[in-house]
Amino acid sequence: MEWLAGAFWAPSPFGSALVGVWAGEDGPLAEVPNAPVALNEGGLTVLTAHDLAYADPDLLPEAVVYTLEAAPAHGVLMLDGVALDAGDSFTQADIDAGRVAYRHDASETTADQFQFSVTDSEGGALAGRVFSFEVNPMDDAPSAADLHPDSEREIIQRFENKGLSIA
């Protein structure tokens, strides 16, 4: 590792202004612990840097790029409301700005995940990463299939069980 230092300058109405100074070791892309995100069946959640983050102290969030290797099986991962497919990318800056979201498909599943790789502009790369969702099951309203009897005999049996008869 090498020691780096630098400064950030920005234009202002009065000329350039020093807006920040940094110093540190030029290190590799570091994985921040990423815990599964919980959401309700059929729900939507916006990913934050608390949920998913990889860090390189030498780079801006725009330089950390996530590439989707496998899309979720029971929902959709979105960038600015547009579905992402395998091969699509988003950045740490997108996550930090709340532009990456996941919507569960309301199926009777309790988990989902997507696989991704993450790279930075200095050649750092981590592949085969997995991000998980924990889905809280919800009580669903009965469907027509649940209410439809299987046969005429079942209908007759239900009436007879209630002391009714069919003429």
Foldseek 3Di string as FASTA:
>chain_A
DDKDWDWDWDQDPVGIDTDDIDIDDQDFWAFDDADAAEDAQQAKDFAACNHGDIDGPVDDQQQKKKFWQQAKPFWFKFFQNHGDGHGDMDTNVSRNVRRIMIGGNNDPDQKIKTFIKIAGPVGHIDGGDIHMYGYDYDDDDDDVVNVDDPDPVVVQVVQVVVVHHDD
